[in-house]
């Protein structure tokens, strides 16, 4: 999936052999190889950031869908109970519910 974005495999790094000069390994060759490794690390970091962002979006979507399921289940229960009782919802009932919700919402804000 990411083969076109990553240059080296772990085996490539393990198998890499450098030419030996009088003073040790050829510095230019080592530097070039390290540049490739650094590029791959940067690409890995970018991929991780992309995946983290995608994960966050999916988690938000899951949360929204779960909330929607809860709302639908509540609506189903209300519809079921409403069909058996045939209870009328009046403006007074709605005002009472709004008042209770305001107490819950604003009560929590005052505590914080």
C-alpha atoms as a PDB file:
ATOM      1  CA  UNK A   1       0.000   0.000   0.000  1.00  0.00           C
ATOM      2  CA  UNK A   2       2.819   2.389   0.857  1.00  0.00           C
ATOM      3  CA  UNK A   3       5.531   0.734  -1.242  1.00  0.00           C
ATOM      4  CA  UNK A   4       5.589   3.670  -3.621  1.00  0.00           C
ATOM      5  CA  UNK A   5       6.123   6.079  -0.692  1.00  0.00           C
ATOM      6  CA  UNK A   6       8.858   4.178   1.181  1.00  0.00           C
ATOM      7  CA  UNK A   7      12.264   3.570  -0.406  1.00  0.00           C
ATOM      8  CA  UNK A   8      13.824   0.978   1.876  1.00  0.00           C
ATOM      9  CA  UNK A   9      12.699  -2.208   3.526  1.00  0.00           C
ATOM     10  CA  UNK A  10      14.137  -3.375   6.843  1.00  0.00           C
ATOM     11  CA  UNK A  11      16.024  -6.054   4.912  1.00  0.00           C
ATOM     12  CA  UNK A  12      17.562  -3.386   2.626  1.00  0.00           C
ATOM     13  CA  UNK A  13      18.936  -1.597   5.679  1.00  0.00           C
ATOM     14  CA  UNK A  14      20.205  -4.833   7.207  1.00  0.00           C
ATOM     15  CA  UNK A  15      21.905  -5.980   3.997  1.00  0.00           C
ATOM     16  CA  UNK A  16      23.539  -2.629   3.157  1.00  0.00           C
ATOM     17  CA  UNK A  17      27.313  -2.834   2.905  1.00  0.00           C
ATOM     18  CA  UNK A  18      29.543   0.194   2.540  1.00  0.00           C
ATOM     19  CA  UNK A  19      32.847   0.456   0.727  1.00  0.00           C
ATOM     20  CA  UNK A  20      35.818   0.778   3.011  1.00  0.00           C
ATOM     21  CA  UNK A  21      38.327   3.605   2.538  1.00  0.00           C
ATOM     22  CA  UNK A  22      41.679   4.041   4.187  1.00  0.00           C
ATOM     23  CA  UNK A  23      40.022   5.842   7.119  1.00  0.00           C
ATOM     24  CA  UNK A  24      36.948   3.605   7.379  1.00  0.00           C
ATOM     25  CA  UNK A  25      33.637   3.634   5.545  1.00  0.00           C
ATOM     26  CA  UNK A  26      33.130   5.937   2.576  1.00  0.00           C
ATOM     27  CA  UNK A  27      31.531   8.972   4.232  1.00  0.00           C
ATOM     28  CA  UNK A  28      29.712  10.122   1.109  1.00  0.00           C
ATOM     29  CA  UNK A  29      28.110   6.718   0.638  1.00  0.00           C
ATOM     30  CA  UNK A  30      27.071   6.549   4.304  1.00  0.00           C
ATOM     31  CA  UNK A  31      25.623  10.080   4.176  1.00  0.00           C
ATOM     32  CA  UNK A  32      23.605   9.282   1.044  1.00  0.00           C
ATOM     33  CA  UNK A  33      22.210   6.145   2.643  1.00  0.00           C
ATOM     34  CA  UNK A  34      21.321   8.034   5.821  1.00  0.00           C
ATOM     35  CA  UNK A  35      19.536  10.661   3.709  1.00  0.00           C
ATOM     36  CA  UNK A  36      17.352   7.921   2.225  1.00  0.00           C
ATOM     37  CA  UNK A  37      16.621   6.563   5.711  1.00  0.00           C
ATOM     38  CA  UNK A  38      15.724  10.046   6.968  1.00  0.00           C
ATOM     39  CA  UNK A  39      13.378  10.503   4.025  1.00  0.00           C
ATOM     40  CA  UNK A  40      11.664   7.226   4.863  1.00  0.00           C
ATOM     41  CA  UNK A  41      11.321   8.217   8.518  1.00  0.00           C
ATOM     42  CA  UNK A  42       9.719  11.507   7.490  1.00  0.00           C
ATOM     43  CA  UNK A  43       7.326   9.621   5.239  1.00  0.00           C
ATOM     44  CA  UNK A  44       6.480   7.197   8.045  1.00  0.00           C
ATOM     45  CA  UNK A  45       5.756  10.148  10.344  1.00  0.00           C
ATOM     46  CA  UNK A  46       3.509  11.678   7.680  1.00  0.00           C
ATOM     47  CA  UNK A  47       1.646   8.370   7.217  1.00  0.00           C
ATOM     48  CA  UNK A  48       1.140   8.104  10.976  1.00  0.00           C
ATOM     49  CA  UNK A  49      -0.275  11.650  11.130  1.00  0.00           C
ATOM     50  CA  UNK A  50      -2.642  10.844   8.247  1.00  0.00           C
ATOM     51  CA  UNK A  51      -3.792   7.649   9.944  1.00  0.00           C
ATOM     52  CA  UNK A  52      -4.286   9.448  13.268  1.00  0.00           C
ATOM     53  CA  UNK A  53      -6.420  12.107  11.576  1.00  0.00           C
ATOM     54  CA  UNK A  54      -8.434   9.427   9.778  1.00  0.00           C
ATOM     55  CA  UNK A  55      -8.888   7.562  13.062  1.00  0.00           C
ATOM     56  CA  UNK A  56     -10.162  10.714  14.793  1.00  0.00           C
ATOM     57  CA  UNK A  57     -12.657  11.347  11.994  1.00  0.00           C
ATOM     58  CA  UNK A  58     -13.905   7.766  12.224  1.00  0.00           C
ATOM     59  CA  UNK A  59     -14.229   7.974  16.006  1.00  0.00           C
ATOM     60  CA  UNK A  60     -16.262  11.174  15.680  1.00  0.00           C
ATOM     61  CA  UNK A  61     -18.486   9.490  13.107  1.00  0.00           C
ATOM     62  CA  UNK A  62     -18.934   6.476  15.383  1.00  0.00           C
ATOM     63  CA  UNK A  63     -19.923   8.763  18.251  1.00  0.00           C
ATOM     64  CA  UNK A  64     -22.462  10.565  16.080  1.00  0.00           C
ATOM     65  CA  UNK A  65     -23.904   7.282  14.822  1.00  0.00           C
ATOM     66  CA  UNK A  66     -24.184   5.894  18.351  1.00  0.00           C
ATOM     67  CA  UNK A  67     -26.016   9.039  19.423  1.00  0.00           C
ATOM     68  CA  UNK A  68     -28.318   8.737  16.432  1.00  0.00           C
ATOM     69  CA  UNK A  69     -29.046   5.106  17.367  1.00  0.00           C
ATOM     70  CA  UNK A  70     -29.878   6.169  20.933  1.00  0.00           C
ATOM     71  CA  UNK A  71     -32.195   8.883  19.632  1.00  0.00           C
ATOM     72  CA  UNK A  72     -33.920   6.463  17.280  1.00  0.00           C
ATOM     73  CA  UNK A  73     -34.341   3.868  20.026  1.00  0.00           C
ATOM     74  CA  UNK A  74     -35.839   6.554  22.263  1.00  0.00           C
ATOM     75  CA  UNK A  75     -38.194   7.623  19.496  1.00  0.00           C
ATOM     76  CA  UNK A  76     -39.239   4.003  18.971  1.00  0.00           C
ATOM     77  CA  UNK A  77     -39.944   3.582  22.683  1.00  0.00           C
ATOM     78  CA  UNK A  78     -41.934   6.825  22.724  1.00  0.00           C
ATOM     79  CA  UNK A  79     -43.897   5.724  19.683  1.00  0.00           C
ATOM     80  CA  UNK A  80     -44.589   2.311  21.239  1.00  0.00           C
ATOM     81  CA  UNK A  81     -45.680   3.755  24.565  1.00  0.00           C
ATOM     82  CA  UNK A  82     -47.641   6.511  22.848  1.00  0.00           C
ATOM     83  CA  UNK A  83     -49.571   4.050  20.734  1.00  0.00           C
ATOM     84  CA  UNK A  84     -50.638   2.015  23.779  1.00  0.00           C
ATOM     85  CA  UNK A  85     -51.483   4.940  26.049  1.00  0.00           C
ATOM     86  CA  UNK A  86     -52.586   7.502  23.468  1.00  0.00           C
ATOM     87  CA  UNK A  87     -51.261  10.210  25.735  1.00  0.00           C
ATOM     88  CA  UNK A  88     -51.426  13.700  24.257  1.00  0.00           C
ATOM     89  CA  UNK A  89     -48.369  15.909  24.578  1.00  0.00           C
ATOM     90  CA  UNK A  90     -49.370  19.438  25.429  1.00  0.00           C
ATOM     91  CA  UNK A  91     -47.462  22.687  25.442  1.00  0.00           C
ATOM     92  CA  UNK A  92     -47.313  22.467  29.239  1.00  0.00           C
ATOM     93  CA  UNK A  93     -45.560  19.072  28.993  1.00  0.00           C
ATOM     94  CA  UNK A  94     -43.057  20.498  26.519  1.00  0.00           C
ATOM     95  CA  UNK A  95     -42.381  23.514  28.750  1.00  0.00           C
ATOM     96  CA  UNK A  96     -41.790  21.220  31.749  1.00  0.00           C
ATOM     97  CA  UNK A  97     -39.314  19.139  29.748  1.00  0.00           C
ATOM     98  CA  UNK A  98     -37.480  22.251  28.549  1.00  0.00           C
ATOM     99  CA  UNK A  99     -37.300  23.538  32.104  1.00  0.00           C
ATOM    100  CA  UNK A 100     -35.805  20.255  33.297  1.00  0.00           C
ATOM    101  CA  UNK A 101     -33.254  20.275  30.496  1.00  0.00           C
ATOM    102  CA  UNK A 102     -32.253  23.864  31.286  1.00  0.00           C
ATOM    103  CA  UNK A 103     -31.724  22.935  34.928  1.00  0.00           C
ATOM    104  CA  UNK A 104     -29.501  20.046  33.880  1.00  0.00           C
ATOM    105  CA  UNK A 105     -27.493  22.028  31.325  1.00  0.00           C
ATOM    106  CA  UNK A 106     -27.091  25.257  33.260  1.00  0.00           C
ATOM    107  CA  UNK A 107     -26.661  23.486  36.572  1.00  0.00           C
ATOM    108  CA  UNK A 108     -23.626  21.623  35.200  1.00  0.00           C
ATOM    109  CA  UNK A 109     -22.110  24.810  33.791  1.00  0.00           C
ATOM    110  CA  UNK A 110     -22.332  26.556  37.164  1.00  0.00           C
ATOM    111  CA  UNK A 111     -20.514  23.670  38.853  1.00  0.00           C
ATOM    112  CA  UNK A 112     -17.619  23.867  36.389  1.00  0.00           C
END
